[in-house]
């Protein structure tokens, strides 16, 4: 899993699988989009207006945050 935040556009992206191939996305709310892979698996989540929609305070800079997790 890899989480990135871009302050310039206030967007966060949570990529769940580095190997998946993007095929399409679905708008869940005005600020949340889900990206799907070839076989319909969720490969990422984009959160717009992230500073208002995230559970934790965001960094002052645009830096990638890598989290490693066993799923």
N, C-alpha and C. Protein backbone atom coordinates (compact mmCIF):
# COMPACT_ATOMS: atom_id res chain seq x y z
N UNK A 1 0.84 -1.17 0.00
CA UNK A 1 0.00 0.00 0.00
C UNK A 1 0.90 1.24 0.00
N UNK A 2 0.46 2.25 -0.75
CA UNK A 2 1.20 3.51 -0.80
C UNK A 2 0.19 4.65 -0.76
N UNK A 3 0.44 5.62 0.13
CA UNK A 3 -0.43 6.78 0.25
C UNK A 3 0.36 8.03 -0.13
N UNK A 4 -0.20 8.84 -1.03
CA UNK A 4 0.44 10.09 -1.39
C UNK A 4 -0.56 11.23 -1.20
N UNK A 5 -0.02 12.39 -0.87
CA UNK A 5 -0.84 13.59 -0.71
C UNK A 5 -0.19 14.71 -1.51
N UNK A 6 -0.98 15.39 -2.33
CA UNK A 6 -0.50 16.51 -3.12
C UNK A 6 -1.19 17.77 -2.62
N UNK A 7 -0.44 18.59 -1.88
CA UNK A 7 -1.00 19.80 -1.28
C UNK A 7 -1.49 20.79 -2.34
N UNK A 8 -0.82 20.84 -3.48
CA UNK A 8 -1.18 21.83 -4.51
C UNK A 8 -2.61 21.64 -5.02
N UNK A 9 -3.12 20.43 -4.98
CA UNK A 9 -4.50 20.17 -5.41
C UNK A 9 -5.35 19.59 -4.28
N UNK A 10 -4.77 19.48 -3.08
CA UNK A 10 -5.44 18.94 -1.89
C UNK A 10 -6.08 17.59 -2.17
N UNK A 11 -5.28 16.67 -2.72
CA UNK A 11 -5.79 15.34 -3.05
C UNK A 11 -4.89 14.27 -2.45
N UNK A 12 -5.53 13.21 -1.96
CA UNK A 12 -4.81 12.07 -1.42
C UNK A 12 -5.14 10.86 -2.28
N UNK A 13 -4.11 10.02 -2.51
CA UNK A 13 -4.35 8.79 -3.27
C UNK A 13 -3.82 7.61 -2.47
N UNK A 14 -4.65 6.62 -2.31
CA UNK A 14 -4.28 5.40 -1.60
C UNK A 14 -4.22 4.29 -2.63
N UNK A 15 -3.01 3.84 -2.96
CA UNK A 15 -2.83 2.77 -3.93
C UNK A 15 -2.67 1.47 -3.18
N UNK A 16 -3.56 0.53 -3.42
CA UNK A 16 -3.59 -0.71 -2.68
C UNK A 16 -2.70 -1.79 -3.29
N UNK A 17 -2.48 -1.73 -4.60
CA UNK A 17 -1.73 -2.78 -5.28
C UNK A 17 -0.84 -2.16 -6.35
N UNK A 18 0.45 -2.30 -6.20
CA UNK A 18 1.40 -1.72 -7.17
C UNK A 18 1.36 -2.42 -8.53
N UNK A 19 0.92 -3.66 -8.56
CA UNK A 19 0.97 -4.46 -9.79
C UNK A 19 -0.29 -4.40 -10.63
N UNK A 20 -1.36 -3.89 -10.07
CA UNK A 20 -2.64 -3.89 -10.78
C UNK A 20 -2.63 -2.89 -11.93
N UNK A 21 -3.38 -3.22 -12.97
CA UNK A 21 -3.51 -2.37 -14.15
C UNK A 21 -4.84 -1.63 -14.08
N UNK A 22 -4.78 -0.30 -14.14
CA UNK A 22 -5.98 0.54 -14.07
C UNK A 22 -6.86 0.32 -15.30
N UNK A 23 -8.15 0.16 -15.07
CA UNK A 23 -9.10 0.01 -16.18
C UNK A 23 -10.20 1.07 -16.14
N UNK A 24 -10.76 1.34 -14.97
CA UNK A 24 -11.83 2.34 -14.88
C UNK A 24 -11.97 2.83 -13.44
N UNK A 25 -12.78 3.86 -13.27
CA UNK A 25 -13.01 4.38 -11.92
C UNK A 25 -14.49 4.69 -11.75
N UNK A 26 -14.90 4.75 -10.49
CA UNK A 26 -16.30 5.04 -10.17
C UNK A 26 -16.33 6.13 -9.12
N UNK A 27 -17.13 7.15 -9.36
CA UNK A 27 -17.30 8.25 -8.41
C UNK A 27 -18.27 7.79 -7.33
N UNK A 28 -17.78 7.74 -6.08
CA UNK A 28 -18.59 7.30 -4.97
C UNK A 28 -19.33 8.48 -4.34
N UNK A 29 -18.61 9.58 -4.13
CA UNK A 29 -19.19 10.84 -3.67
C UNK A 29 -18.54 11.94 -4.51
N UNK A 30 -18.85 13.18 -4.23
CA UNK A 30 -18.22 14.28 -4.96
C UNK A 30 -16.71 14.30 -4.73
N UNK A 31 -16.25 13.77 -3.60
CA UNK A 31 -14.83 13.84 -3.25
C UNK A 31 -14.10 12.49 -3.21
N UNK A 32 -14.78 11.40 -3.51
CA UNK A 32 -14.14 10.07 -3.42
C UNK A 32 -14.37 9.30 -4.71
N UNK A 33 -13.25 8.83 -5.29
CA UNK A 33 -13.31 8.00 -6.49
C UNK A 33 -12.58 6.70 -6.21
N UNK A 34 -13.10 5.60 -6.75
CA UNK A 34 -12.48 4.29 -6.59
C UNK A 34 -11.97 3.85 -7.96
N UNK A 35 -10.70 3.43 -8.03
CA UNK A 35 -10.12 2.92 -9.27
C UNK A 35 -10.14 1.39 -9.24
N UNK A 36 -10.52 0.80 -10.37
CA UNK A 36 -10.64 -0.65 -10.48
C UNK A 36 -9.66 -1.19 -11.51
N UNK A 37 -9.24 -2.43 -11.30
CA UNK A 37 -8.33 -3.10 -12.22
C UNK A 37 -9.07 -3.92 -13.25
N UNK A 38 -8.30 -4.68 -14.03
CA UNK A 38 -8.85 -5.48 -15.12
C UNK A 38 -9.92 -6.47 -14.68
N UNK A 39 -9.74 -7.05 -13.51
CA UNK A 39 -10.66 -8.09 -13.03
C UNK A 39 -11.68 -7.55 -12.03
N UNK A 40 -11.82 -6.22 -11.96
CA UNK A 40 -12.80 -5.61 -11.08
C UNK A 40 -12.31 -5.38 -9.66
N UNK A 41 -11.03 -5.66 -9.41
CA UNK A 41 -10.49 -5.47 -8.06
C UNK A 41 -10.21 -3.99 -7.81
N UNK A 42 -10.39 -3.56 -6.57
CA UNK A 42 -10.08 -2.17 -6.20
C UNK A 42 -8.56 -2.03 -6.16
N UNK A 43 -8.04 -1.04 -6.91
CA UNK A 43 -6.59 -0.82 -6.90
C UNK A 43 -6.22 0.50 -6.26
N UNK A 44 -7.19 1.40 -6.07
CA UNK A 44 -6.86 2.66 -5.44
C UNK A 44 -8.08 3.49 -5.11
N UNK A 45 -7.86 4.45 -4.20
CA UNK A 45 -8.92 5.36 -3.77
C UNK A 45 -8.36 6.78 -3.84
N UNK A 46 -9.06 7.67 -4.52
CA UNK A 46 -8.66 9.07 -4.59
C UNK A 46 -9.62 9.89 -3.73
N UNK A 47 -9.05 10.72 -2.87
CA UNK A 47 -9.85 11.58 -1.99
C UNK A 47 -9.53 13.03 -2.33
N UNK A 48 -10.52 13.72 -2.87
CA UNK A 48 -10.38 15.14 -3.21
C UNK A 48 -10.75 15.96 -1.98
N UNK A 49 -10.30 17.20 -1.91
CA UNK A 49 -10.50 18.03 -0.71
C UNK A 49 -10.07 17.25 0.52
N UNK A 50 -8.92 16.62 0.41
CA UNK A 50 -8.43 15.68 1.42
C UNK A 50 -8.26 16.32 2.80
N UNK A 51 -7.87 17.57 2.85
CA UNK A 51 -7.68 18.21 4.16
C UNK A 51 -9.00 18.32 4.92
N UNK A 52 -10.11 18.31 4.22
CA UNK A 52 -11.43 18.35 4.86
C UNK A 52 -12.00 16.96 5.08
N UNK A 53 -11.55 15.98 4.29
CA UNK A 53 -12.16 14.66 4.30
C UNK A 53 -11.32 13.56 4.93
N UNK A 54 -10.13 13.87 5.42
CA UNK A 54 -9.30 12.82 6.00
C UNK A 54 -9.47 12.80 7.51
N UNK A 55 -9.08 11.69 8.10
CA UNK A 55 -9.22 11.53 9.55
C UNK A 55 -8.03 12.08 10.31
N UNK A 56 -6.90 12.28 9.64
CA UNK A 56 -5.68 12.76 10.30
C UNK A 56 -5.23 14.05 9.64
N UNK A 57 -4.52 14.92 10.39
CA UNK A 57 -3.98 16.15 9.78
C UNK A 57 -2.99 15.80 8.68
N UNK A 58 -2.97 16.60 7.64
CA UNK A 58 -2.09 16.34 6.51
C UNK A 58 -0.84 17.19 6.60
N UNK A 59 0.21 16.71 5.96
CA UNK A 59 1.50 17.39 5.95
C UNK A 59 1.39 18.74 5.25
N UNK A 60 2.31 19.63 5.58
CA UNK A 60 2.37 20.94 4.92
C UNK A 60 2.97 20.85 3.53
N UNK A 61 3.58 19.75 3.17
CA UNK A 61 4.22 19.62 1.86
C UNK A 61 3.66 18.42 1.12
N UNK A 62 3.91 18.37 -0.17
CA UNK A 62 3.49 17.24 -0.98
C UNK A 62 4.57 16.17 -0.92
N UNK A 63 4.38 15.20 -0.06
CA UNK A 63 5.37 14.13 0.07
C UNK A 63 4.66 12.78 0.03
N UNK A 64 5.30 11.79 -0.57
CA UNK A 64 4.69 10.45 -0.55
C UNK A 64 4.88 9.83 0.84
N UNK A 65 3.87 9.14 1.29
CA UNK A 65 3.93 8.43 2.55
C UNK A 65 3.74 6.95 2.22
N UNK A 66 4.72 6.13 2.50
CA UNK A 66 4.60 4.73 2.21
C UNK A 66 4.29 3.94 3.47
N UNK A 67 3.24 3.14 3.40
CA UNK A 67 2.90 2.25 4.50
C UNK A 67 2.96 0.84 3.98
N UNK A 68 3.56 -0.04 4.73
CA UNK A 68 3.59 -1.44 4.33
C UNK A 68 2.65 -2.20 5.23
N UNK A 69 1.77 -2.96 4.60
CA UNK A 69 0.80 -3.71 5.38
C UNK A 69 0.57 -5.06 4.73
N UNK A 70 0.31 -6.03 5.53
CA UNK A 70 -0.06 -7.35 5.03
C UNK A 70 -1.57 -7.41 4.92
N UNK A 71 -2.04 -7.71 3.74
CA UNK A 71 -3.49 -7.78 3.55
C UNK A 71 -3.91 -9.22 3.37
